[in-house]
Every structure is written in structure tokens, then in C-alpha cells.
Amino acid sequence: MRLSKNKKDRIAEQILAFLYHSFPRQPFTAEIAREIARDEEFVKRILNELKEKGLIISIRKNAKGIAFTRRSKWRLSQKVYDIYSEKAKQ
């Protein structure tokens, strides 16, 4: 089943909102997928699209500097976080 661009954009907005509300935590892909009730592979594809646009950042290492082998954590880029913060104040 193909999703329209409009629906994909709305799902991307849900992901961005979840990342904003979970700040400073950096959730794994699986946690994001569970939160917005979508398939993990589909969410991963959208996350990668958002990363290419510079809206989010992929974290591939844990706090000790050891690389995750099969998982990624995600967070908003500073620019996007600042924009969300400004909108929240209004």
C-alpha cells in the first residue's frame, strides 16, 4: 500500500514531535515506532529521510563511545529543537 506525501509528512511531524517531547532522551528506532504505532522499517525509512534533510541526527555510539551494532538512537538537530521551543512559547 502506498501512502500519499501528505500522510508521510504527517507521520514525519509525529516523529519530530515525539523527539521534541522526549528531549534530552535519545530514543531508539523501535521505541519511536512503538510510540507512533507504525512498522519499524517504515519508521526507519522516514527517520533516514529526515536525517538527509538535516532535521534529526542519528546517534550510532553509546555514552562510552562504543558503536551500536544494529541500532540507532535519534535526536532533533539543534536548529529544529530551537524552532520547536519558539513555537511552544507562543
PDB file of N, CA and C in Angstrom:
ATOM      1  N   MET A   1       0.841  -1.175   0.000  1.00  0.00           N
ATOM      2  CA  MET A   1       0.000   0.000   0.000  1.00  0.00           C
ATOM      3  C   MET A   1       0.894   1.249   0.000  1.00  0.00           C
ATOM      4  N   ARG A   2       0.629   2.174  -0.866  1.00  0.00           N
ATOM      5  CA  ARG A   2       1.380   3.411  -0.982  1.00  0.00           C
ATOM      6  C   ARG A   2       0.705   4.491  -0.138  1.00  0.00           C
ATOM      7  N   LEU A   3       1.518   5.269   0.530  1.00  0.00           N
ATOM      8  CA  LEU A   3       0.999   6.388   1.302  1.00  0.00           C
ATOM      9  C   LEU A   3       1.219   7.676   0.522  1.00  0.00           C
ATOM     10  N   SER A   4       0.277   8.570   0.643  1.00  0.00           N
ATOM     11  CA  SER A   4       0.432   9.854  -0.028  1.00  0.00           C
ATOM     12  C   SER A   4       1.528  10.669   0.668  1.00  0.00           C
ATOM     13  N   LYS A   5       2.054  11.631  -0.044  1.00  0.00           N
ATOM     14  CA  LYS A   5       3.088  12.503   0.520  1.00  0.00           C
ATOM     15  C   LYS A   5       2.546  13.225   1.746  1.00  0.00           C
ATOM     16  N   ASN A   6       1.295  13.613   1.706  1.00  0.00           N
ATOM     17  CA  ASN A   6       0.668  14.301   2.819  1.00  0.00           C
ATOM     18  C   ASN A   6       0.680  13.434   4.084  1.00  0.00           C
ATOM     19  N   LYS A   7       0.338  12.148   3.936  1.00  0.00           N
ATOM     20  CA  LYS A   7       0.325  11.257   5.097  1.00  0.00           C
ATOM     21  C   LYS A   7       1.736  11.003   5.611  1.00  0.00           C
ATOM     22  N   LYS A   8       2.693  10.845   4.697  1.00  0.00           N
ATOM     23  CA  LYS A   8       4.085  10.663   5.120  1.00  0.00           C
ATOM     24  C   LYS A   8       4.575  11.886   5.890  1.00  0.00           C
ATOM     25  N   ASP A   9       4.204  13.077   5.408  1.00  0.00           N
ATOM     26  CA  ASP A   9       4.599  14.309   6.088  1.00  0.00           C
ATOM     27  C   ASP A   9       3.993  14.383   7.489  1.00  0.00           C
ATOM     28  N   ARG A  10       2.758  13.950   7.630  1.00  0.00           N
ATOM     29  CA  ARG A  10       2.106  13.961   8.937  1.00  0.00           C
ATOM     30  C   ARG A  10       2.768  12.980   9.895  1.00  0.00           C
ATOM     31  N   ILE A  11       3.180  11.820   9.380  1.00  0.00           N
ATOM     32  CA  ILE A  11       3.882  10.844  10.209  1.00  0.00           C
ATOM     33  C   ILE A  11       5.248  11.398  10.613  1.00  0.00           C
ATOM     34  N   ALA A  12       5.918  12.065   9.682  1.00  0.00           N
ATOM     35  CA  ALA A  12       7.207  12.693   9.990  1.00  0.00           C
ATOM     36  C   ALA A  12       7.025  13.754  11.082  1.00  0.00           C
ATOM     37  N   GLU A  13       5.936  14.507  11.026  1.00  0.00           N
ATOM     38  CA  GLU A  13       5.644  15.501  12.061  1.00  0.00           C
ATOM     39  C   GLU A  13       5.445  14.835  13.414  1.00  0.00           C
ATOM     40  N   GLN A  14       4.762  13.678  13.427  1.00  0.00           N
ATOM     41  CA  GLN A  14       4.572  12.933  14.672  1.00  0.00           C
ATOM     42  C   GLN A  14       5.919  12.514  15.255  1.00  0.00           C
ATOM     43  N   ILE A  15       6.814  12.060  14.396  1.00  0.00           N
ATOM     44  CA  ILE A  15       8.143  11.644  14.840  1.00  0.00           C
ATOM     45  C   ILE A  15       8.899  12.828  15.423  1.00  0.00           C
ATOM     46  N   LEU A  16       8.880  13.954  14.720  1.00  0.00           N
ATOM     47  CA  LEU A  16       9.574  15.146  15.212  1.00  0.00           C
ATOM     48  C   LEU A  16       9.000  15.608  16.549  1.00  0.00           C
ATOM     49  N   ALA A  17       7.687  15.570  16.684  1.00  0.00           N
ATOM     50  CA  ALA A  17       7.053  15.975  17.937  1.00  0.00           C
ATOM     51  C   ALA A  17       7.446  15.026  19.067  1.00  0.00           C
ATOM     52  N   PHE A  18       7.480  13.731  18.781  1.00  0.00           N
ATOM     53  CA  PHE A  18       7.891  12.764  19.799  1.00  0.00           C
ATOM     54  C   PHE A  18       9.330  13.012  20.232  1.00  0.00           C
ATOM     55  N   LEU A  19      10.220  13.256  19.274  1.00  0.00           N
ATOM     56  CA  LEU A  19      11.622  13.523  19.611  1.00  0.00           C
ATOM     57  C   LEU A  19      11.756  14.803  20.447  1.00  0.00           C
ATOM     58  N   TYR A  20      10.944  15.803  20.120  1.00  0.00           N
ATOM     59  CA  TYR A  20      10.982  17.049  20.884  1.00  0.00           C
ATOM     60  C   TYR A  20      10.534  16.796  22.324  1.00  0.00           C
ATOM     61  N   HIS A  21       9.439  16.076  22.493  1.00  0.00           N
ATOM     62  CA  HIS A  21       8.901  15.839  23.831  1.00  0.00           C
ATOM     63  C   HIS A  21       9.748  14.868  24.648  1.00  0.00           C
ATOM     64  N   SER A  22      10.545  14.051  23.997  1.00  0.00           N
ATOM     65  CA  SER A  22      11.381  13.113  24.732  1.00  0.00           C
ATOM     66  C   SER A  22      12.775  13.685  25.021  1.00  0.00           C
ATOM     67  N   PHE A  23      13.045  14.914  24.562  1.00  0.00           N
ATOM     68  CA  PHE A  23      14.341  15.555  24.799  1.00  0.00           C
ATOM     69  C   PHE A  23      14.576  15.687  26.297  1.00  0.00           C
ATOM     70  N   PRO A  24      15.746  15.416  26.853  1.00  0.00           N
ATOM     71  CA  PRO A  24      17.025  15.110  26.215  1.00  0.00           C
ATOM     72  C   PRO A  24      17.265  13.626  25.956  1.00  0.00           C
ATOM     73  N   ARG A  25      16.286  12.767  26.290  1.00  0.00           N
ATOM     74  CA  ARG A  25      16.451  11.344  25.960  1.00  0.00           C
ATOM     75  C   ARG A  25      16.602  11.179  24.459  1.00  0.00           C
ATOM     76  N   GLN A  26      17.288  10.139  24.069  1.00  0.00           N
ATOM     77  CA  GLN A  26      17.509   9.841  22.657  1.00  0.00           C
ATOM     78  C   GLN A  26      16.959   8.441  22.400  1.00  0.00           C
ATOM     79  N   PRO A  27      15.700   8.345  21.954  1.00  0.00           N
ATOM     80  CA  PRO A  27      15.071   7.023  21.803  1.00  0.00           C
ATOM     81  C   PRO A  27      15.618   6.246  20.609  1.00  0.00           C
ATOM     82  N   PHE A  28      15.555   4.919  20.759  1.00  0.00           N
ATOM     83  CA  PHE A  28      15.906   4.031  19.655  1.00  0.00           C
ATOM     84  C   PHE A  28      14.776   4.022  18.635  1.00  0.00           C
ATOM     85  N   THR A  29      15.085   3.556  17.440  1.00  0.00           N
ATOM     86  CA  THR A  29      14.099   3.461  16.358  1.00  0.00           C
ATOM     87  C   THR A  29      12.875   2.668  16.812  1.00  0.00           C
ATOM     88  N   ALA A  30      13.088   1.543  17.484  1.00  0.00           N
ATOM     89  CA  ALA A  30      11.982   0.690  17.924  1.00  0.00           C
ATOM     90  C   ALA A  30      11.039   1.424  18.872  1.00  0.00           C
ATOM     91  N   GLU A  31      11.584   2.240  19.754  1.00  0.00           N
ATOM     92  CA  GLU A  31      10.752   2.995  20.690  1.00  0.00           C
ATOM     93  C   GLU A  31       9.906   4.038  19.954  1.00  0.00           C
ATOM     94  N   ILE A  32      10.495   4.689  18.964  1.00  0.00           N
ATOM     95  CA  ILE A  32       9.753   5.674  18.163  1.00  0.00           C
ATOM     96  C   ILE A  32       8.620   4.978  17.409  1.00  0.00           C
ATOM     97  N   ALA A  33       8.923   3.828  16.803  1.00  0.00           N
ATOM     98  CA  ALA A  33       7.912   3.078  16.050  1.00  0.00           C
ATOM     99  C   ALA A  33       6.767   2.650  16.962  1.00  0.00           C
ATOM    100  N   ARG A  34       7.098   2.204  18.157  1.00  0.00           N
ATOM    101  CA  ARG A  34       6.073   1.773  19.114  1.00  0.00           C
ATOM    102  C   ARG A  34       5.204   2.957  19.522  1.00  0.00           C
ATOM    103  N   GLU A  35       5.818   4.103  19.739  1.00  0.00           N
ATOM    104  CA  GLU A  35       5.084   5.289  20.187  1.00  0.00           C
ATOM    105  C   GLU A  35       4.087   5.789  19.149  1.00  0.00           C
ATOM    106  N   ILE A  36       4.467   5.775  17.876  1.00  0.00           N
ATOM    107  CA  ILE A  36       3.551   6.286  16.853  1.00  0.00           C
ATOM    108  C   ILE A  36       2.775   5.161  16.162  1.00  0.00           C
ATOM    109  N   ALA A  37       2.918   3.936  16.671  1.00  0.00           N
ATOM    110  CA  ALA A  37       2.173   2.768  16.187  1.00  0.00           C
ATOM    111  C   ALA A  37       2.366   2.526  14.689  1.00  0.00           C
ATOM    112  N   ARG A  38       3.625   2.451  14.295  1.00  0.00           N
ATOM    113  CA  ARG A  38       3.968   2.173  12.899  1.00  0.00           C
ATOM    114  C   ARG A  38       5.024   1.081  12.835  1.00  0.00           C
ATOM    115  N   ASP A  39       5.142   0.478  11.671  1.00  0.00           N
ATOM    116  CA  ASP A  39       6.132  -0.562  11.418  1.00  0.00           C
ATOM    117  C   ASP A  39       7.540   0.011  11.571  1.00  0.00           C
ATOM    118  N   GLU A  40       8.428  -0.752  12.204  1.00  0.00           N
ATOM    119  CA  GLU A  40       9.783  -0.264  12.489  1.00  0.00           C
ATOM    120  C   GLU A  40      10.574   0.062  11.221  1.00  0.00           C
ATOM    121  N   GLU A  41      10.458  -0.759  10.185  1.00  0.00           N
ATOM    122  CA  GLU A  41      11.184  -0.499   8.939  1.00  0.00           C
ATOM    123  C   GLU A  41      10.679   0.775   8.263  1.00  0.00           C
ATOM    124  N   PHE A  42       9.385   0.991   8.303  1.00  0.00           N
ATOM    125  CA  PHE A  42       8.796   2.199   7.725  1.00  0.00           C
ATOM    126  C   PHE A  42       9.294   3.436   8.478  1.00  0.00           C
ATOM    127  N   VAL A  43       9.298   3.359   9.806  1.00  0.00           N
ATOM    128  CA  VAL A  43       9.772   4.475  10.631  1.00  0.00           C
ATOM    129  C   VAL A  43      11.247   4.732  10.354  1.00  0.00           C
ATOM    130  N   LYS A  44      12.018   3.676  10.208  1.00  0.00           N
ATOM    131  CA  LYS A  44      13.446   3.825   9.922  1.00  0.00           C
ATOM    132  C   LYS A  44      13.671   4.556   8.605  1.00  0.00           C
ATOM    133  N   ARG A  45      12.851   4.241   7.597  1.00  0.00           N
ATOM    134  CA  ARG A  45      12.965   4.915   6.301  1.00  0.00           C
ATOM    135  C   ARG A  45      12.655   6.403   6.441  1.00  0.00           C
ATOM    136  N   ILE A  46      11.617   6.737   7.182  1.00  0.00           N
ATOM    137  CA  ILE A  46      11.266   8.144   7.382  1.00  0.00           C
ATOM    138  C   ILE A  46      12.346   8.850   8.205  1.00  0.00           C
ATOM    139  N   LEU A  47      12.880   8.180   9.218  1.00  0.00           N
ATOM    140  CA  LEU A  47      13.955   8.772  10.012  1.00  0.00           C
ATOM    141  C   LEU A  47      15.161   9.094   9.139  1.00  0.00           C
ATOM    142  N   ASN A  48      15.497   8.193   8.234  1.00  0.00           N
ATOM    143  CA  ASN A  48      16.633   8.437   7.341  1.00  0.00           C
ATOM    144  C   ASN A  48      16.355   9.609   6.394  1.00  0.00           C
ATOM    145  N   GLU A  49      15.116   9.741   5.948  1.00  0.00           N
ATOM    146  CA  GLU A  49      14.753  10.886   5.101  1.00  0.00           C
ATOM    147  C   GLU A  49      14.896  12.196   5.888  1.00  0.00           C
ATOM    148  N   LEU A  50      14.447  12.187   7.145  1.00  0.00           N
ATOM    149  CA  LEU A  50      14.565  13.377   7.991  1.00  0.00           C
ATOM    150  C   LEU A  50      16.030  13.701   8.263  1.00  0.00           C
ATOM    151  N   LYS A  51      16.841  12.659   8.402  1.00  0.00           N
ATOM    152  CA  LYS A  51      18.281  12.859   8.617  1.00  0.00           C
ATOM    153  C   LYS A  51      18.919  13.512   7.393  1.00  0.00           C
ATOM    154  N   GLU A  52      18.539  13.058   6.197  1.00  0.00           N
ATOM    155  CA  GLU A  52      19.078  13.632   4.958  1.00  0.00           C
ATOM    156  C   GLU A  52      18.714  15.112   4.835  1.00  0.00           C
ATOM    157  N   LYS A  53      17.547  15.492   5.361  1.00  0.00           N
ATOM    158  CA  LYS A  53      17.110  16.889   5.309  1.00  0.00           C
ATOM    159  C   LYS A  53      17.758  17.732   6.405  1.00  0.00           C
ATOM    160  N   GLY A  54      18.495  17.079   7.309  1.00  0.00           N
ATOM    161  CA  GLY A  54      19.162  17.801   8.385  1.00  0.00           C
ATOM    162  C   GLY A  54      18.262  18.139   9.563  1.00  0.00           C
ATOM    163  N   LEU A  55      17.117  17.472   9.669  1.00  0.00           N
ATOM    164  CA  LEU A  55      16.184  17.770  10.745  1.00  0.00           C
ATOM    165  C   LEU A  55      16.486  16.987  12.018  1.00  0.00           C
ATOM    166  N   ILE A  56      17.051  15.795  11.869  1.00  0.00           N
ATOM    167  CA  ILE A  56      17.391  14.973  13.025  1.00  0.00           C
ATOM    168  C   ILE A  56      18.812  14.443  12.876  1.00  0.00           C
ATOM    169  N   ILE A  57      19.328  13.918  13.971  1.00  0.00           N
ATOM    170  CA  ILE A  57      20.689  13.391  13.999  1.00  0.00           C
ATOM    171  C   ILE A  57      20.645  11.948  14.488  1.00  0.00           C
ATOM    172  N   SER A  58      21.358  11.086  13.800  1.00  0.00           N
ATOM    173  CA  SER A  58      21.478   9.687  14.187  1.00  0.00           C
ATOM    174  C   SER A  58      22.651   9.537  15.143  1.00  0.00           C
ATOM    175  N   ILE A  59      22.424   8.817  16.223  1.00  0.00           N
ATOM    176  CA  ILE A  59      23.488   8.571  17.198  1.00  0.00           C
ATOM    177  C   ILE A  59      23.844   7.099  17.111  1.00  0.00           C
ATOM    178  N   ARG A  60      25.069   6.830  16.715  1.00  0.00           N
ATOM    179  CA  ARG A  60      25.500   5.458  16.463  1.00  0.00           C
ATOM    180  C   ARG A  60      26.387   4.883  17.566  1.00  0.00           C
ATOM    181  N   LYS A  61      26.664   5.689  18.626  1.00  0.00           N
ATOM    182  CA  LYS A  61      27.525   5.219  19.714  1.00  0.00           C
ATOM    183  C   LYS A  61      26.853   5.486  21.055  1.00  0.00           C
ATOM    184  N   ASN A  62      27.161   4.620  22.021  1.00  0.00           N
ATOM    185  CA  ASN A  62      26.608   4.837  23.357  1.00  0.00           C
ATOM    186  C   ASN A  62      27.440   5.865  24.111  1.00  0.00           C
ATOM    187  N   ALA A  63      27.106   6.118  25.357  1.00  0.00           N
ATOM    188  CA  ALA A  63      27.784   7.152  26.139  1.00  0.00           C
ATOM    189  C   ALA A  63      29.263   6.849  26.355  1.00  0.00           C
ATOM    190  N   LYS A  64      29.641   5.587  26.282  1.00  0.00           N
ATOM    191  CA  LYS A  64      31.042   5.192  26.471  1.00  0.00           C
ATOM    192  C   LYS A  64      31.830   5.201  25.168  1.00  0.00           C
ATOM    193  N   GLY A  65      31.180   5.572  24.069  1.00  0.00           N
ATOM    194  CA  GLY A  65      31.863   5.648  22.784  1.00  0.00           C
ATOM    195  C   GLY A  65      31.889   4.338  22.008  1.00  0.00           C
ATOM    196  N   ILE A  66      31.158   3.344  22.494  1.00  0.00           N
ATOM    197  CA  ILE A  66      31.105   2.052  21.808  1.00  0.00           C
ATOM    198  C   ILE A  66      29.974   2.099  20.782  1.00  0.00           C
ATOM    199  N   ALA A  67      30.281   1.713  19.551  1.00  0.00           N
ATOM    200  CA  ALA A  67      29.297   1.783  18.460  1.00  0.00           C
ATOM    201  C   ALA A  67      28.200   0.737  18.646  1.00  0.00           C
ATOM    202  N   PHE A  68      26.958   1.159  18.382  1.00  0.00           N
ATOM    203  CA  PHE A  68      25.844   0.215  18.337  1.00  0.00           C
ATOM    204  C   PHE A  68      26.004  -0.621  17.080  1.00  0.00           C
ATOM    205  N   THR A  69      25.798  -1.912  17.187  1.00  0.00           N
ATOM    206  CA  THR A  69      25.998  -2.762  16.015  1.00  0.00           C
ATOM    207  C   THR A  69      24.793  -2.763  15.082  1.00  0.00           C
ATOM    208  N   ARG A  70      23.589  -2.760  15.650  1.00  0.00           N
ATOM    209  CA  ARG A  70      22.412  -2.891  14.794  1.00  0.00           C
ATOM    210  C   ARG A  70      21.331  -1.857  15.071  1.00  0.00           C
ATOM    211  N   ARG A  71      21.597  -0.918  15.945  1.00  0.00           N
ATOM    212  CA  ARG A  71      20.552   0.027  16.331  1.00  0.00           C
ATOM    213  C   ARG A  71      21.046   1.456  16.199  1.00  0.00           C
ATOM    214  N   SER A  72      20.107   2.373  16.210  1.00  0.00           N
ATOM    215  CA  SER A  72      20.430   3.801  16.193  1.00  0.00           C
ATOM    216  C   SER A  72      19.527   4.515  17.172  1.00  0.00           C
ATOM    217  N   LYS A  73      20.083   5.520  17.807  1.00  0.00           N
ATOM    218  CA  LYS A  73      19.282   6.436  18.602  1.00  0.00           C
ATOM    219  C   LYS A  73      19.118   7.696  17.773  1.00  0.00           C
ATOM    220  N   TRP A  74      18.100   8.485  18.101  1.00  0.00           N
ATOM    221  CA  TRP A  74      17.798   9.670  17.311  1.00  0.00           C
ATOM    222  C   TRP A  74      17.535  10.854  18.214  1.00  0.00           C
ATOM    223  N   ARG A  75      17.888  12.039  17.712  1.00  0.00           N
ATOM    224  CA  ARG A  75      17.545  13.284  18.396  1.00  0.00           C
ATOM    225  C   ARG A  75      17.351  14.378  17.355  1.00  0.00           C
ATOM    226  N   LEU A  76      16.655  15.434  17.768  1.00  0.00           N
ATOM    227  CA  LEU A  76      16.458  16.579  16.878  1.00  0.00           C
ATOM    228  C   LEU A  76      17.766  17.323  16.701  1.00  0.00           C
ATOM    229  N   SER A  77      17.958  17.913  15.544  1.00  0.00           N
ATOM    230  CA  SER A  77      19.107  18.805  15.366  1.00  0.00           C
ATOM    231  C   SER A  77      18.845  20.045  16.216  1.00  0.00           C
ATOM    232  N   GLN A  78      19.886  20.756  16.575  1.00  0.00           N
ATOM    233  CA  GLN A  78      19.740  21.927  17.438  1.00  0.00           C
ATOM    234  C   GLN A  78      18.834  22.974  16.807  1.00  0.00           C
ATOM    235  N   LYS A  79      18.961  23.165  15.502  1.00  0.00           N
ATOM    236  CA  LYS A  79      18.146  24.162  14.793  1.00  0.00           C
ATOM    237  C   LYS A  79      16.653  23.837  14.918  1.00  0.00           C
ATOM    238  N   VAL A  80      16.304  22.589  14.708  1.00  0.00           N
ATOM    239  CA  VAL A  80      14.898  22.171  14.788  1.00  0.00           C
ATOM    240  C   VAL A  80      14.397  22.262  16.221  1.00  0.00           C
ATOM    241  N   TYR A  81      15.230  21.876  17.190  1.00  0.00           N
ATOM    242  CA  TYR A  81      14.829  21.968  18.589  1.00  0.00           C
ATOM    243  C   TYR A  81      14.522  23.421  18.961  1.00  0.00           C
ATOM    244  N   ASP A  82      15.363  24.351  18.515  1.00  0.00           N
ATOM    245  CA  ASP A  82      15.147  25.768  18.796  1.00  0.00           C
ATOM    246  C   ASP A  82      13.839  26.269  18.189  1.00  0.00           C
ATOM    247  N   ILE A  83      13.532  25.830  16.972  1.00  0.00           N
ATOM    248  CA  ILE A  83      12.279  26.229  16.312  1.00  0.00           C
ATOM    249  C   ILE A  83      11.078  25.711  17.097  1.00  0.00           C
ATOM    250  N   TYR A  84      11.121  24.422  17.512  1.00  0.00           N
ATOM    251  CA  TYR A  84      10.037  23.855  18.303  1.00  0.00           C
ATOM    252  C   TYR A  84       9.879  24.609  19.621  1.00  0.00           C
ATOM    253  N   SER A  85      10.988  24.961  20.254  1.00  0.00           N
ATOM    254  CA  SER A  85      10.934  25.682  21.526  1.00  0.00           C
ATOM    255  C   SER A  85      10.268  27.044  21.343  1.00  0.00           C
ATOM    256  N   GLU A  86      10.594  27.746  20.265  1.00  0.00           N
ATOM    257  CA  GLU A  86       9.974  29.044  19.983  1.00  0.00           C
ATOM    258  C   GLU A  86       8.472  28.892  19.765  1.00  0.00           C
ATOM    259  N   LYS A  87       8.068  27.871  19.025  1.00  0.00           N
ATOM    260  CA  LYS A  87       6.642  27.647  18.773  1.00  0.00           C
ATOM    261  C   LYS A  87       5.916  27.321  20.055  1.00  0.00           C
ATOM    262  N   ALA A  88       6.564  26.582  20.956  1.00  0.00           N
ATOM    263  CA  ALA A  88       5.932  26.194  22.218  1.00  0.00           C
ATOM    264  C   ALA A  88       5.702  27.398  23.120  1.00  0.00           C
ATOM    265  N   LYS A  89       6.552  28.400  23.024  1.00  0.00           N
ATOM    266  CA  LYS A  89       6.419  29.595  23.856  1.00  0.00           C
ATOM    267  C   LYS A  89       5.251  30.478  23.424  1.00  0.00           C
ATOM    268  N   GLN A  90       4.856  30.372  22.168  1.00  0.00           N
ATOM    269  CA  GLN A  90       3.801  31.240  21.641  1.00  0.00           C
ATOM    270  C   GLN A  90       2.428  30.803  22.073  1.00  0.00           C
TER     271      GLN A  90
END
